[in-house]
Every structure is written in structure tokens, then in C-alpha cells.
PDB file of N, CA and C in Angstrom:
ATOM      1  N   UNK A   1    -122.958  -3.073  26.607  1.00  0.00           N
ATOM      2  CA  UNK A   1    -124.081  -2.258  26.390  1.00  0.00           C
ATOM      3  C   UNK A   1    -123.613  -0.836  26.056  1.00  0.00           C
ATOM      4  N   UNK A   2    -124.280  -0.149  25.151  1.00  0.00           N
ATOM      5  CA  UNK A   2    -123.925   1.212  24.777  1.00  0.00           C
ATOM      6  C   UNK A   2    -124.496   2.152  25.800  1.00  0.00           C
ATOM      7  N   UNK A   3    -124.053   3.407  25.699  1.00  0.00           N
ATOM      8  CA  UNK A   3    -124.582   4.433  26.602  1.00  0.00           C
ATOM      9  C   UNK A   3    -126.083   4.614  26.418  1.00  0.00           C
ATOM     10  N   UNK A   4    -126.574   4.585  25.158  1.00  0.00           N
ATOM     11  CA  UNK A   4    -128.005   4.724  24.936  1.00  0.00           C
ATOM     12  C   UNK A   4    -128.759   3.528  25.499  1.00  0.00           C
ATOM     13  N   UNK A   5    -128.220   2.338  25.332  1.00  0.00           N
ATOM     14  CA  UNK A   5    -128.822   1.132  25.897  1.00  0.00           C
ATOM     15  C   UNK A   5    -128.844   1.209  27.390  1.00  0.00           C
ATOM     16  N   UNK A   6    -127.759   1.646  27.996  1.00  0.00           N
ATOM     17  CA  UNK A   6    -127.734   1.796  29.499  1.00  0.00           C
ATOM     18  C   UNK A   6    -128.745   2.794  29.958  1.00  0.00           C
ATOM     19  N   UNK A   7    -128.950   3.862  29.232  1.00  0.00           N
ATOM     20  CA  UNK A   7    -129.944   4.873  29.605  1.00  0.00           C
ATOM     21  C   UNK A   7    -131.349   4.321  29.550  1.00  0.00           C
ATOM     22  N   UNK A   8    -131.617   3.552  28.519  1.00  0.00           N
ATOM     23  CA  UNK A   8    -132.950   2.938  28.366  1.00  0.00           C
ATOM     24  C   UNK A   8    -133.200   1.932  29.523  1.00  0.00           C
ATOM     25  N   UNK A   9    -132.169   1.135  29.831  1.00  0.00           N
ATOM     26  CA  UNK A   9    -132.301   0.210  30.953  1.00  0.00           C
ATOM     27  C   UNK A   9    -132.518   0.945  32.245  1.00  0.00           C
ATOM     28  N   UNK A  10    -131.766   1.999  32.480  1.00  0.00           N
ATOM     29  CA  UNK A  10    -131.899   2.791  33.725  1.00  0.00           C
ATOM     30  C   UNK A  10    -133.312   3.418  33.784  1.00  0.00           C
ATOM     31  N   UNK A  11    -133.804   3.881  32.649  1.00  0.00           N
ATOM     32  CA  UNK A  11    -135.141   4.448  32.605  1.00  0.00           C
ATOM     33  C   UNK A  11    -136.184   3.421  32.962  1.00  0.00           C
ATOM     34  N   UNK A  12    -136.097   2.223  32.380  1.00  0.00           N
ATOM     35  CA  UNK A  12    -137.033   1.191  32.696  1.00  0.00           C
ATOM     36  C   UNK A  12    -137.037   0.775  34.137  1.00  0.00           C
ATOM     37  N   UNK A  13    -135.827   0.669  34.722  1.00  0.00           N
ATOM     38  CA  UNK A  13    -135.736   0.337  36.143  1.00  0.00           C
ATOM     39  C   UNK A  13    -136.294   1.471  37.000  1.00  0.00           C
ATOM     40  N   UNK A  14    -136.022   2.726  36.660  1.00  0.00           N
ATOM     41  CA  UNK A  14    -136.541   3.854  37.391  1.00  0.00           C
ATOM     42  C   UNK A  14    -138.094   3.892  37.316  1.00  0.00           C
ATOM     43  N   UNK A  15    -138.645   3.604  36.166  1.00  0.00           N
ATOM     44  CA  UNK A  15    -140.084   3.576  35.993  1.00  0.00           C
ATOM     45  C   UNK A  15    -140.698   2.444  36.868  1.00  0.00           C
ATOM     46  N   UNK A  16    -140.034   1.316  36.924  1.00  0.00           N
ATOM     47  CA  UNK A  16    -140.509   0.214  37.748  1.00  0.00           C
ATOM     48  C   UNK A  16    -140.492   0.639  39.220  1.00  0.00           C
ATOM     49  N   UNK A  17    -139.420   1.234  39.673  1.00  0.00           N
ATOM     50  CA  UNK A  17    -139.356   1.656  41.076  1.00  0.00           C
ATOM     51  C   UNK A  17    -140.390   2.718  41.380  1.00  0.00           C
ATOM     52  N   UNK A  18    -140.611   3.661  40.458  1.00  0.00           N
ATOM     53  CA  UNK A  18    -141.634   4.672  40.677  1.00  0.00           C
ATOM     54  C   UNK A  18    -143.018   4.031  40.727  1.00  0.00           C
ATOM     55  N   UNK A  19    -143.242   3.031  39.875  1.00  0.00           N
ATOM     56  CA  UNK A  19    -144.523   2.291  39.898  1.00  0.00           C
ATOM     57  C   UNK A  19    -144.693   1.621  41.262  1.00  0.00           C
ATOM     58  N   UNK A  20    -143.664   1.047  41.772  1.00  0.00           N
ATOM     59  CA  UNK A  20    -143.772   0.360  43.075  1.00  0.00           C
ATOM     60  C   UNK A  20    -144.114   1.356  44.178  1.00  0.00           C
ATOM     61  N   UNK A  21    -143.592   2.580  44.119  1.00  0.00           N
ATOM     62  CA  UNK A  21    -143.993   3.585  45.087  1.00  0.00           C
ATOM     63  C   UNK A  21    -145.467   3.937  44.863  1.00  0.00           C
ATOM     64  N   UNK A  22    -145.881   4.047  43.647  1.00  0.00           N
ATOM     65  CA  UNK A  22    -147.290   4.327  43.374  1.00  0.00           C
ATOM     66  C   UNK A  22    -148.162   3.152  43.804  1.00  0.00           C
ATOM     67  N   UNK A  23    -147.641   1.930  43.691  1.00  0.00           N
ATOM     68  CA  UNK A  23    -148.395   0.736  44.076  1.00  0.00           C
ATOM     69  C   UNK A  23    -148.752   0.748  45.558  1.00  0.00           C
ATOM     70  N   UNK A  24    -147.860   1.306  46.380  1.00  0.00           N
ATOM     71  CA  UNK A  24    -148.151   1.438  47.807  1.00  0.00           C
ATOM     72  C   UNK A  24    -149.337   2.396  47.969  1.00  0.00           C
ATOM     73  N   UNK A  25    -149.228   3.561  47.312  1.00  0.00           N
ATOM     74  CA  UNK A  25    -150.333   4.566  47.405  1.00  0.00           C
ATOM     75  C   UNK A  25    -151.671   4.010  46.913  1.00  0.00           C
ATOM     76  N   UNK A  26    -151.584   3.210  45.865  1.00  0.00           N
ATOM     77  CA  UNK A  26    -152.811   2.671  45.208  1.00  0.00           C
ATOM     78  C   UNK A  26    -153.278   1.355  45.846  1.00  0.00           C
ATOM     79  N   UNK A  27    -152.556   0.870  46.861  1.00  0.00           N
ATOM     80  CA  UNK A  27    -152.940  -0.357  47.591  1.00  0.00           C
ATOM     81  C   UNK A  27    -153.041  -1.571  46.633  1.00  0.00           C
ATOM     82  N   UNK A  28    -151.965  -1.772  45.931  1.00  0.00           N
ATOM     83  CA  UNK A  28    -151.930  -2.850  44.944  1.00  0.00           C
ATOM     84  C   UNK A  28    -152.152  -4.215  45.597  1.00  0.00           C
ATOM     85  N   UNK A  29    -151.826  -4.367  46.849  1.00  0.00           N
ATOM     86  CA  UNK A  29    -151.990  -5.652  47.526  1.00  0.00           C
ATOM     87  C   UNK A  29    -153.411  -6.154  47.465  1.00  0.00           C
ATOM     88  N   UNK A  30    -154.371  -5.268  47.247  1.00  0.00           N
ATOM     89  CA  UNK A  30    -155.764  -5.690  47.143  1.00  0.00           C
ATOM     90  C   UNK A  30    -156.032  -6.520  45.873  1.00  0.00           C
ATOM     91  N   UNK A  31    -155.086  -6.532  44.940  1.00  0.00           N
ATOM     92  CA  UNK A  31    -155.208  -7.323  43.724  1.00  0.00           C
ATOM     93  C   UNK A  31    -154.542  -8.677  43.850  1.00  0.00           C
ATOM     94  N   UNK A  32    -153.903  -8.966  44.992  1.00  0.00           N
ATOM     95  CA  UNK A  32    -153.185 -10.224  45.205  1.00  0.00           C
ATOM     96  C   UNK A  32    -154.042 -11.137  46.102  1.00  0.00           C
ATOM     97  N   UNK A  33    -154.250 -12.367  45.637  1.00  0.00           N
ATOM     98  CA  UNK A  33    -155.129 -13.304  46.354  1.00  0.00           C
ATOM     99  C   UNK A  33    -154.699 -13.493  47.805  1.00  0.00           C
ATOM    100  N   UNK A  34    -153.438 -13.686  48.064  1.00  0.00           N
ATOM    101  CA  UNK A  34    -152.964 -13.929  49.423  1.00  0.00           C
ATOM    102  C   UNK A  34    -152.989 -12.740  50.326  1.00  0.00           C
ATOM    103  N   UNK A  35    -152.991 -11.550  49.804  1.00  0.00           N
ATOM    104  CA  UNK A  35    -152.914 -10.324  50.622  1.00  0.00           C
ATOM    105  C   UNK A  35    -154.255  -9.649  50.804  1.00  0.00           C
ATOM    106  N   UNK A  36    -155.170  -9.805  49.849  1.00  0.00           N
ATOM    107  CA  UNK A  36    -156.394  -9.022  49.919  1.00  0.00           C
ATOM    108  C   UNK A  36    -157.287  -9.386  51.084  1.00  0.00           C
ATOM    109  N   UNK A  37    -157.110 -10.603  51.608  1.00  0.00           N
ATOM    110  CA  UNK A  37    -157.930 -11.024  52.738  1.00  0.00           C
ATOM    111  C   UNK A  37    -157.324 -10.614  54.094  1.00  0.00           C
ATOM    112  N   UNK A  38    -156.142 -10.095  54.078  1.00  0.00           N
ATOM    113  CA  UNK A  38    -155.467  -9.633  55.323  1.00  0.00           C
ATOM    114  C   UNK A  38    -156.007  -8.290  55.710  1.00  0.00           C
ATOM    115  N   UNK A  39    -155.826  -7.953  57.000  1.00  0.00           N
ATOM    116  CA  UNK A  39    -156.113  -6.561  57.438  1.00  0.00           C
ATOM    117  C   UNK A  39    -155.262  -5.604  56.613  1.00  0.00           C
ATOM    118  N   UNK A  40    -155.768  -4.478  56.261  1.00  0.00           N
ATOM    119  CA  UNK A  40    -155.077  -3.554  55.375  1.00  0.00           C
ATOM    120  C   UNK A  40    -153.680  -3.209  55.881  1.00  0.00           C
ATOM    121  N   UNK A  41    -153.529  -2.914  57.131  1.00  0.00           N
ATOM    122  CA  UNK A  41    -152.189  -2.529  57.646  1.00  0.00           C
ATOM    123  C   UNK A  41    -151.204  -3.678  57.572  1.00  0.00           C
ATOM    124  N   UNK A  42    -151.689  -4.915  57.811  1.00  0.00           N
ATOM    125  CA  UNK A  42    -150.810  -6.096  57.748  1.00  0.00           C
ATOM    126  C   UNK A  42    -150.437  -6.339  56.295  1.00  0.00           C
ATOM    127  N   UNK A  43    -151.374  -6.278  55.381  1.00  0.00           N
ATOM    128  CA  UNK A  43    -151.099  -6.496  53.953  1.00  0.00           C
ATOM    129  C   UNK A  43    -150.121  -5.433  53.461  1.00  0.00           C
ATOM    130  N   UNK A  44    -150.295  -4.198  53.849  1.00  0.00           N
ATOM    131  CA  UNK A  44    -149.374  -3.113  53.466  1.00  0.00           C
ATOM    132  C   UNK A  44    -147.952  -3.463  53.896  1.00  0.00           C
ATOM    133  N   UNK A  45    -147.792  -3.899  55.139  1.00  0.00           N
ATOM    134  CA  UNK A  45    -146.487  -4.197  55.677  1.00  0.00           C
ATOM    135  C   UNK A  45    -145.855  -5.387  54.916  1.00  0.00           C
ATOM    136  N   UNK A  46    -146.612  -6.425  54.696  1.00  0.00           N
ATOM    137  CA  UNK A  46    -146.109  -7.555  53.959  1.00  0.00           C
ATOM    138  C   UNK A  46    -145.689  -7.160  52.569  1.00  0.00           C
ATOM    139  N   UNK A  47    -146.537  -6.432  51.855  1.00  0.00           N
ATOM    140  CA  UNK A  47    -146.259  -5.948  50.506  1.00  0.00           C
ATOM    141  C   UNK A  47    -145.009  -5.102  50.483  1.00  0.00           C
ATOM    142  N   UNK A  48    -144.904  -4.160  51.376  1.00  0.00           N
ATOM    143  CA  UNK A  48    -143.767  -3.262  51.400  1.00  0.00           C
ATOM    144  C   UNK A  48    -142.483  -3.972  51.768  1.00  0.00           C
ATOM    145  N   UNK A  49    -142.512  -4.784  52.850  1.00  0.00           N
ATOM    146  CA  UNK A  49    -141.337  -5.448  53.307  1.00  0.00           C
ATOM    147  C   UNK A  49    -140.841  -6.509  52.308  1.00  0.00           C
ATOM    148  N   UNK A  50    -141.759  -7.086  51.564  1.00  0.00           N
ATOM    149  CA  UNK A  50    -141.350  -8.080  50.537  1.00  0.00           C
ATOM    150  C   UNK A  50    -140.461  -7.451  49.469  1.00  0.00           C
ATOM    151  N   UNK A  51    -140.581  -6.141  49.296  1.00  0.00           N
ATOM    152  CA  UNK A  51    -139.772  -5.475  48.271  1.00  0.00           C
ATOM    153  C   UNK A  51    -138.323  -5.270  48.703  1.00  0.00           C
ATOM    154  N   UNK A  52    -138.027  -5.310  49.971  1.00  0.00           N
ATOM    155  CA  UNK A  52    -136.665  -5.077  50.425  1.00  0.00           C
ATOM    156  C   UNK A  52    -135.718  -6.110  49.893  1.00  0.00           C
ATOM    157  N   UNK A  53    -135.982  -7.438  50.055  1.00  0.00           N
ATOM    158  CA  UNK A  53    -135.023  -8.384  49.508  1.00  0.00           C
ATOM    159  C   UNK A  53    -134.945  -8.333  47.975  1.00  0.00           C
ATOM    160  N   UNK A  54    -136.060  -8.036  47.335  1.00  0.00           N
ATOM    161  CA  UNK A  54    -136.039  -7.901  45.873  1.00  0.00           C
ATOM    162  C   UNK A  54    -135.132  -6.715  45.455  1.00  0.00           C
ATOM    163  N   UNK A  55    -135.270  -5.585  46.112  1.00  0.00           N
ATOM    164  CA  UNK A  55    -134.425  -4.437  45.789  1.00  0.00           C
ATOM    165  C   UNK A  55    -132.946  -4.755  46.135  1.00  0.00           C
ATOM    166  N   UNK A  56    -132.704  -5.448  47.240  1.00  0.00           N
ATOM    167  CA  UNK A  56    -131.336  -5.790  47.644  1.00  0.00           C
ATOM    168  C   UNK A  56    -130.679  -6.684  46.558  1.00  0.00           C
ATOM    169  N   UNK A  57    -131.396  -7.648  46.024  1.00  0.00           N
ATOM    170  CA  UNK A  57    -130.873  -8.485  44.947  1.00  0.00           C
ATOM    171  C   UNK A  57    -130.588  -7.671  43.732  1.00  0.00           C
ATOM    172  N   UNK A  58    -131.473  -6.782  43.318  1.00  0.00           N
ATOM    173  CA  UNK A  58    -131.264  -5.944  42.165  1.00  0.00           C
ATOM    174  C   UNK A  58    -130.051  -5.069  42.336  1.00  0.00           C
ATOM    175  N   UNK A  59    -129.915  -4.411  43.462  1.00  0.00           N
ATOM    176  CA  UNK A  59    -128.755  -3.536  43.723  1.00  0.00           C
ATOM    177  C   UNK A  59    -127.463  -4.384  43.733  1.00  0.00           C
ATOM    178  N   UNK A  60    -127.500  -5.541  44.393  1.00  0.00           N
ATOM    179  CA  UNK A  60    -126.295  -6.402  44.414  1.00  0.00           C
ATOM    180  C   UNK A  60    -125.870  -6.826  42.992  1.00  0.00           C
ATOM    181  N   UNK A  61    -126.858  -7.177  42.194  1.00  0.00           N
ATOM    182  CA  UNK A  61    -126.524  -7.576  40.809  1.00  0.00           C
ATOM    183  C   UNK A  61    -126.068  -6.394  40.003  1.00  0.00           C
ATOM    184  N   UNK A  62    -126.598  -5.191  40.240  1.00  0.00           N
ATOM    185  CA  UNK A  62    -126.099  -4.013  39.557  1.00  0.00           C
ATOM    186  C   UNK A  62    -124.633  -3.718  39.896  1.00  0.00           C
ATOM    187  N   UNK A  63    -124.246  -4.095  41.067  1.00  0.00           N
ATOM    188  CA  UNK A  63    -122.870  -3.863  41.520  1.00  0.00           C
ATOM    189  C   UNK A  63    -121.910  -4.992  41.218  1.00  0.00           C
ATOM    190  N   UNK A  64    -122.455  -6.062  40.581  1.00  0.00           N
ATOM    191  CA  UNK A  64    -121.666  -7.259  40.304  1.00  0.00           C
ATOM    192  C   UNK A  64    -121.350  -7.313  38.782  1.00  0.00           C
ATOM    193  N   UNK A  65    -120.812  -8.451  38.442  1.00  0.00           N
ATOM    194  CA  UNK A  65    -120.511  -8.662  37.010  1.00  0.00           C
ATOM    195  C   UNK A  65    -121.708  -9.285  36.279  1.00  0.00           C
ATOM    196  N   UNK A  66    -122.846  -9.341  36.933  1.00  0.00           N
ATOM    197  CA  UNK A  66    -124.018  -9.976  36.344  1.00  0.00           C
ATOM    198  C   UNK A  66    -125.052  -8.962  35.808  1.00  0.00           C
ATOM    199  N   UNK A  67    -124.612  -7.774  35.483  1.00  0.00           N
ATOM    200  CA  UNK A  67    -125.519  -6.701  35.070  1.00  0.00           C
ATOM    201  C   UNK A  67    -126.259  -7.108  33.781  1.00  0.00           C
ATOM    202  N   UNK A  68    -125.580  -7.736  32.860  1.00  0.00           N
ATOM    203  CA  UNK A  68    -126.240  -8.088  31.615  1.00  0.00           C
ATOM    204  C   UNK A  68    -127.352  -9.092  31.845  1.00  0.00           C
ATOM    205  N   UNK A  69    -127.136 -10.075  32.691  1.00  0.00           N
ATOM    206  CA  UNK A  69    -128.174 -11.051  33.026  1.00  0.00           C
ATOM    207  C   UNK A  69    -129.320 -10.353  33.724  1.00  0.00           C
ATOM    208  N   UNK A  70    -129.004  -9.458  34.672  1.00  0.00           N
ATOM    209  CA  UNK A  70    -130.034  -8.679  35.375  1.00  0.00           C
ATOM    210  C   UNK A  70    -130.875  -7.897  34.379  1.00  0.00           C
ATOM    211  N   UNK A  71    -130.216  -7.308  33.373  1.00  0.00           N
ATOM    212  CA  UNK A  71    -130.954  -6.457  32.437  1.00  0.00           C
ATOM    213  C   UNK A  71    -131.953  -7.291  31.628  1.00  0.00           C
ATOM    214  N   UNK A  72    -131.553  -8.507  31.256  1.00  0.00           N
ATOM    215  CA  UNK A  72    -132.498  -9.392  30.576  1.00  0.00           C
ATOM    216  C   UNK A  72    -133.713  -9.682  31.465  1.00  0.00           C
ATOM    217  N   UNK A  73    -133.436 -10.020  32.707  1.00  0.00           N
ATOM    218  CA  UNK A  73    -134.513 -10.368  33.670  1.00  0.00           C
ATOM    219  C   UNK A  73    -135.423  -9.178  33.872  1.00  0.00           C
ATOM    220  N   UNK A  74    -134.869  -7.990  34.085  1.00  0.00           N
ATOM    221  CA  UNK A  74    -135.672  -6.819  34.335  1.00  0.00           C
ATOM    222  C   UNK A  74    -136.494  -6.479  33.074  1.00  0.00           C
ATOM    223  N   UNK A  75    -135.862  -6.562  31.898  1.00  0.00           N
ATOM    224  CA  UNK A  75    -136.577  -6.273  30.674  1.00  0.00           C
ATOM    225  C   UNK A  75    -137.785  -7.193  30.468  1.00  0.00           C
ATOM    226  N   UNK A  76    -137.546  -8.478  30.641  1.00  0.00           N
ATOM    227  CA  UNK A  76    -138.660  -9.458  30.486  1.00  0.00           C
ATOM    228  C   UNK A  76    -139.714  -9.183  31.547  1.00  0.00           C
ATOM    229  N   UNK A  77    -139.301  -8.886  32.761  1.00  0.00           N
ATOM    230  CA  UNK A  77    -140.246  -8.610  33.838  1.00  0.00           C
ATOM    231  C   UNK A  77    -141.115  -7.374  33.460  1.00  0.00           C
ATOM    232  N   UNK A  78    -140.463  -6.313  32.962  1.00  0.00           N
ATOM    233  CA  UNK A  78    -141.204  -5.079  32.627  1.00  0.00           C
ATOM    234  C   UNK A  78    -142.258  -5.336  31.558  1.00  0.00           C
ATOM    235  N   UNK A  79    -141.912  -6.164  30.580  1.00  0.00           N
ATOM    236  CA  UNK A  79    -142.889  -6.457  29.513  1.00  0.00           C
ATOM    237  C   UNK A  79    -144.018  -7.337  30.072  1.00  0.00           C
ATOM    238  N   UNK A  80    -143.644  -8.359  30.848  1.00  0.00           N
ATOM    239  CA  UNK A  80    -144.648  -9.249  31.464  1.00  0.00           C
ATOM    240  C   UNK A  80    -145.537  -8.494  32.446  1.00  0.00           C
ATOM    241  N   UNK A  81    -144.940  -7.581  33.185  1.00  0.00           N
ATOM    242  CA  UNK A  81    -145.674  -6.759  34.161  1.00  0.00           C
ATOM    243  C   UNK A  81    -146.737  -5.918  33.437  1.00  0.00           C
ATOM    244  N   UNK A  82    -146.374  -5.336  32.311  1.00  0.00           N
ATOM    245  CA  UNK A  82    -147.333  -4.577  31.501  1.00  0.00           C
ATOM    246  C   UNK A  82    -148.486  -5.484  31.039  1.00  0.00           C
ATOM    247  N   UNK A  83    -148.156  -6.669  30.576  1.00  0.00           N
ATOM    248  CA  UNK A  83    -149.174  -7.594  30.123  1.00  0.00           C
ATOM    249  C   UNK A  83    -150.111  -7.957  31.277  1.00  0.00           C
ATOM    250  N   UNK A  84    -149.561  -8.226  32.437  1.00  0.00           N
ATOM    251  CA  UNK A  84    -150.381  -8.583  33.609  1.00  0.00           C
ATOM    252  C   UNK A  84    -151.334  -7.435  33.971  1.00  0.00           C
ATOM    253  N   UNK A  85    -150.783  -6.224  33.977  1.00  0.00           N
ATOM    254  CA  UNK A  85    -151.648  -5.065  34.319  1.00  0.00           C
ATOM    255  C   UNK A  85    -152.708  -4.839  33.266  1.00  0.00           C
ATOM    256  N   UNK A  86    -152.402  -5.089  32.008  1.00  0.00           N
ATOM    257  CA  UNK A  86    -153.452  -4.989  30.985  1.00  0.00           C
ATOM    258  C   UNK A  86    -154.539  -6.041  31.228  1.00  0.00           C
ATOM    259  N   UNK A  87    -154.117  -7.234  31.655  1.00  0.00           N
ATOM    260  CA  UNK A  87    -155.080  -8.312  31.934  1.00  0.00           C
ATOM    261  C   UNK A  87    -155.979  -7.993  33.151  1.00  0.00           C
ATOM    262  N   UNK A  88    -155.402  -7.229  34.070  1.00  0.00           N
ATOM    263  CA  UNK A  88    -156.149  -6.920  35.309  1.00  0.00           C
ATOM    264  C   UNK A  88    -156.767  -5.513  35.281  1.00  0.00           C
ATOM    265  N   UNK A  89    -156.847  -4.919  34.097  1.00  0.00           N
ATOM    266  CA  UNK A  89    -157.337  -3.527  34.062  1.00  0.00           C
ATOM    267  C   UNK A  89    -158.766  -3.386  34.525  1.00  0.00           C
ATOM    268  N   UNK A  90    -159.545  -4.462  34.466  1.00  0.00           N
ATOM    269  CA  UNK A  90    -160.956  -4.404  34.931  1.00  0.00           C
ATOM    270  C   UNK A  90    -161.131  -4.971  36.325  1.00  0.00           C
ATOM    271  N   UNK A  91    -160.050  -5.353  36.998  1.00  0.00           N
ATOM    272  CA  UNK A  91    -160.130  -5.879  38.329  1.00  0.00           C
ATOM    273  C   UNK A  91    -160.752  -4.796  39.257  1.00  0.00           C
ATOM    274  N   UNK A  92    -161.674  -5.156  40.121  1.00  0.00           N
ATOM    275  CA  UNK A  92    -162.356  -4.179  40.958  1.00  0.00           C
ATOM    276  C   UNK A  92    -161.412  -3.389  41.874  1.00  0.00           C
ATOM    277  N   UNK A  93    -160.254  -3.946  42.239  1.00  0.00           N
ATOM    278  CA  UNK A  93    -159.342  -3.239  43.111  1.00  0.00           C
ATOM    279  C   UNK A  93    -158.233  -2.497  42.351  1.00  0.00           C
ATOM    280  N   UNK A  94    -158.327  -2.489  41.035  1.00  0.00           N
ATOM    281  CA  UNK A  94    -157.292  -1.815  40.227  1.00  0.00           C
ATOM    282  C   UNK A  94    -157.444  -0.316  40.334  1.00  0.00           C
ATOM    283  N   UNK A  95    -156.483   0.337  40.958  1.00  0.00           N
ATOM    284  CA  UNK A  95    -156.504   1.765  41.100  1.00  0.00           C
ATOM    285  C   UNK A  95    -155.451   2.443  40.206  1.00  0.00           C
ATOM    286  N   UNK A  96    -154.931   1.698  39.229  1.00  0.00           N
ATOM    287  CA  UNK A  96    -153.929   2.274  38.314  1.00  0.00           C
ATOM    288  C   UNK A  96    -154.634   2.773  37.046  1.00  0.00           C
ATOM    289  N   UNK A  97    -155.783   3.378  37.213  1.00  0.00           N
ATOM    290  CA  UNK A  97    -156.630   3.788  36.082  1.00  0.00           C
ATOM    291  C   UNK A  97    -156.534   5.264  35.784  1.00  0.00           C
ATOM    292  N   UNK A  98    -155.392   5.845  36.051  1.00  0.00           N
ATOM    293  CA  UNK A  98    -155.174   7.272  35.684  1.00  0.00           C
ATOM    294  C   UNK A  98    -153.917   7.348  34.828  1.00  0.00           C
ATOM    295  N   UNK A  99    -153.739   8.471  34.184  1.00  0.00           N
ATOM    296  CA  UNK A  99    -152.644   8.612  33.211  1.00  0.00           C
ATOM    297  C   UNK A  99    -151.249   8.419  33.839  1.00  0.00           C
ATOM    298  N   UNK A 100    -151.058   8.948  35.012  1.00  0.00           N
ATOM    299  CA  UNK A 100    -149.707   8.833  35.615  1.00  0.00           C
ATOM    300  C   UNK A 100    -149.441   7.379  36.029  1.00  0.00           C
ATOM    301  N   UNK A 101    -150.351   6.782  36.755  1.00  0.00           N
ATOM    302  CA  UNK A 101    -150.157   5.400  37.231  1.00  0.00           C
ATOM    303  C   UNK A 101    -149.978   4.429  36.049  1.00  0.00           C
ATOM    304  N   UNK A 102    -150.915   4.471  35.132  1.00  0.00           N
ATOM    305  CA  UNK A 102    -150.784   3.548  33.998  1.00  0.00           C
ATOM    306  C   UNK A 102    -149.619   3.913  33.094  1.00  0.00           C
ATOM    307  N   UNK A 103    -149.345   5.212  33.017  1.00  0.00           N
ATOM    308  CA  UNK A 103    -148.196   5.687  32.218  1.00  0.00           C
ATOM    309  C   UNK A 103    -146.863   5.104  32.684  1.00  0.00           C
ATOM    310  N   UNK A 104    -146.685   4.984  34.020  1.00  0.00           N
ATOM    311  CA  UNK A 104    -145.465   4.378  34.559  1.00  0.00           C
ATOM    312  C   UNK A 104    -145.329   2.919  34.091  1.00  0.00           C
ATOM    313  N   UNK A 105    -146.446   2.213  34.131  1.00  0.00           N
ATOM    314  CA  UNK A 105    -146.501   0.797  33.752  1.00  0.00           C
ATOM    315  C   UNK A 105    -146.217   0.647  32.266  1.00  0.00           C
ATOM    316  N   UNK A 106    -146.940   1.450  31.451  1.00  0.00           N
ATOM    317  CA  UNK A 106    -146.787   1.380  30.008  1.00  0.00           C
ATOM    318  C   UNK A 106    -145.364   1.771  29.559  1.00  0.00           C
ATOM    319  N   UNK A 107    -144.898   2.889  30.101  1.00  0.00           N
ATOM    320  CA  UNK A 107    -143.537   3.351  29.690  1.00  0.00           C
ATOM    321  C   UNK A 107    -142.477   2.346  30.136  1.00  0.00           C
ATOM    322  N   UNK A 108    -142.664   1.745  31.302  1.00  0.00           N
ATOM    323  CA  UNK A 108    -141.702   0.747  31.763  1.00  0.00           C
ATOM    324  C   UNK A 108    -141.688  -0.461  30.861  1.00  0.00           C
ATOM    325  N   UNK A 109    -142.878  -0.957  30.469  1.00  0.00           N
ATOM    326  CA  UNK A 109    -142.979  -2.072  29.534  1.00  0.00           C
ATOM    327  C   UNK A 109    -142.334  -1.749  28.203  1.00  0.00           C
ATOM    328  N   UNK A 110    -142.581  -0.566  27.697  1.00  0.00           N
ATOM    329  CA  UNK A 110    -141.981  -0.147  26.431  1.00  0.00           C
ATOM    330  C   UNK A 110    -140.464  -0.043  26.526  1.00  0.00           C
ATOM    331  N   UNK A 111    -139.965   0.525  27.630  1.00  0.00           N
ATOM    332  CA  UNK A 111    -138.533   0.614  27.819  1.00  0.00           C
ATOM    333  C   UNK A 111    -137.902  -0.763  27.895  1.00  0.00           C
ATOM    334  N   UNK A 112    -138.567  -1.658  28.599  1.00  0.00           N
ATOM    335  CA  UNK A 112    -138.079  -3.053  28.673  1.00  0.00           C
ATOM    336  C   UNK A 112    -137.995  -3.691  27.283  1.00  0.00           C
ATOM    337  N   UNK A 113    -139.062  -3.524  26.496  1.00  0.00           N
ATOM    338  CA  UNK A 113    -139.118  -4.089  25.163  1.00  0.00           C
ATOM    339  C   UNK A 113    -138.025  -3.525  24.256  1.00  0.00           C
ATOM    340  N   UNK A 114    -137.856  -2.197  24.321  1.00  0.00           N
ATOM    341  CA  UNK A 114    -136.809  -1.560  23.476  1.00  0.00           C
ATOM    342  C   UNK A 114    -135.450  -2.029  23.902  1.00  0.00           C
ATOM    343  N   UNK A 115    -135.196  -2.031  25.212  1.00  0.00           N
ATOM    344  CA  UNK A 115    -133.865  -2.444  25.681  1.00  0.00           C
ATOM    345  C   UNK A 115    -133.582  -3.903  25.337  1.00  0.00           C
ATOM    346  N   UNK A 116    -134.566  -4.764  25.519  1.00  0.00           N
ATOM    347  CA  UNK A 116    -134.391  -6.193  25.175  1.00  0.00           C
ATOM    348  C   UNK A 116    -134.096  -6.336  23.688  1.00  0.00           C
ATOM    349  N   UNK A 117    -134.766  -5.574  22.884  1.00  0.00           N
ATOM    350  CA  UNK A 117    -134.512  -5.606  21.439  1.00  0.00           C
ATOM    351  C   UNK A 117    -133.085  -5.213  21.119  1.00  0.00           C
ATOM    352  N   UNK A 118    -132.627  -4.144  21.783  1.00  0.00           N
ATOM    353  CA  UNK A 118    -131.242  -3.705  21.594  1.00  0.00           C
ATOM    354  C   UNK A 118    -130.222  -4.779  22.036  1.00  0.00           C
ATOM    355  N   UNK A 119    -130.526  -5.453  23.133  1.00  0.00           N
ATOM    356  CA  UNK A 119    -129.601  -6.490  23.604  1.00  0.00           C
ATOM    357  C   UNK A 119    -129.539  -7.689  22.644  1.00  0.00           C
ATOM    358  N   UNK A 120    -130.670  -7.958  22.001  1.00  0.00           N
ATOM    359  CA  UNK A 120    -130.759  -9.171  21.165  1.00  0.00           C
ATOM    360  C   UNK A 120    -130.334  -8.911  19.725  1.00  0.00           C
ATOM    361  N   UNK A 121    -130.037  -7.654  19.388  1.00  0.00           N
ATOM    362  CA  UNK A 121    -129.650  -7.347  18.016  1.00  0.00           C
ATOM    363  C   UNK A 121    -128.181  -7.038  17.916  1.00  0.00           C
TER     364      UNK A 121
END
């Protein structure tokens, strides 16, 4: 990967992590079938704690020889994540309806698409 490609990948990953911080503030668990019926504090803890193993895997792969595979996975996830959020934009519990929150999602999806295009060309 080139320096520009690495920067785009890093930007996409940073946007995803910032979105996940915003997701806690915006109570994104209310949009998940299995979590929305839980008490708010319990759902928050499950949602937040579920991210720890995900982040651990991402960091481990960043430190391994599997960075290229990870970048494909993250890029596809960022694009799919944008599509899912577009599909749920009218969900009653969707609180990502402001410029900053949706901007993180949109910019992440675009970064993933651009980086994936660079990897495949």
C-alpha cells in the first residue's frame, strides 16, 4: 500500500472509531433488536463491552502480517455500514440525524470505497 492509501485507510478506521464513540452517546443499541428491549444501562454495557474484542482483533491484525486482509474487511464494512445507516435513516431510534453524526458515517463509507478502489486497481 502506498502512503496515500495508508492515510485513507487510517482515516476510514479513525472515522469508524469516532462513530462508535458517537454511537454510545446516541444510544445506538436502541436500533438493535436484541438490545432495545433490555434496560438501558444493561444494553449500554453489552453494546460497549462487545466492542472490546472487536477492537482487540483489529489492533492485533494491524500489528500482524495480515494488514492487507484487514484493510479489505474494514473497507467493505465501512461501505456496508453506510448502506445500513442509510436504510435505517427513518428508524424511530435513529439519533444520527445531525451533520456531525451522519458525516462520520458518510465520510467513513467514502474513505472505505476510495481505499478499496485503490487496493483493487
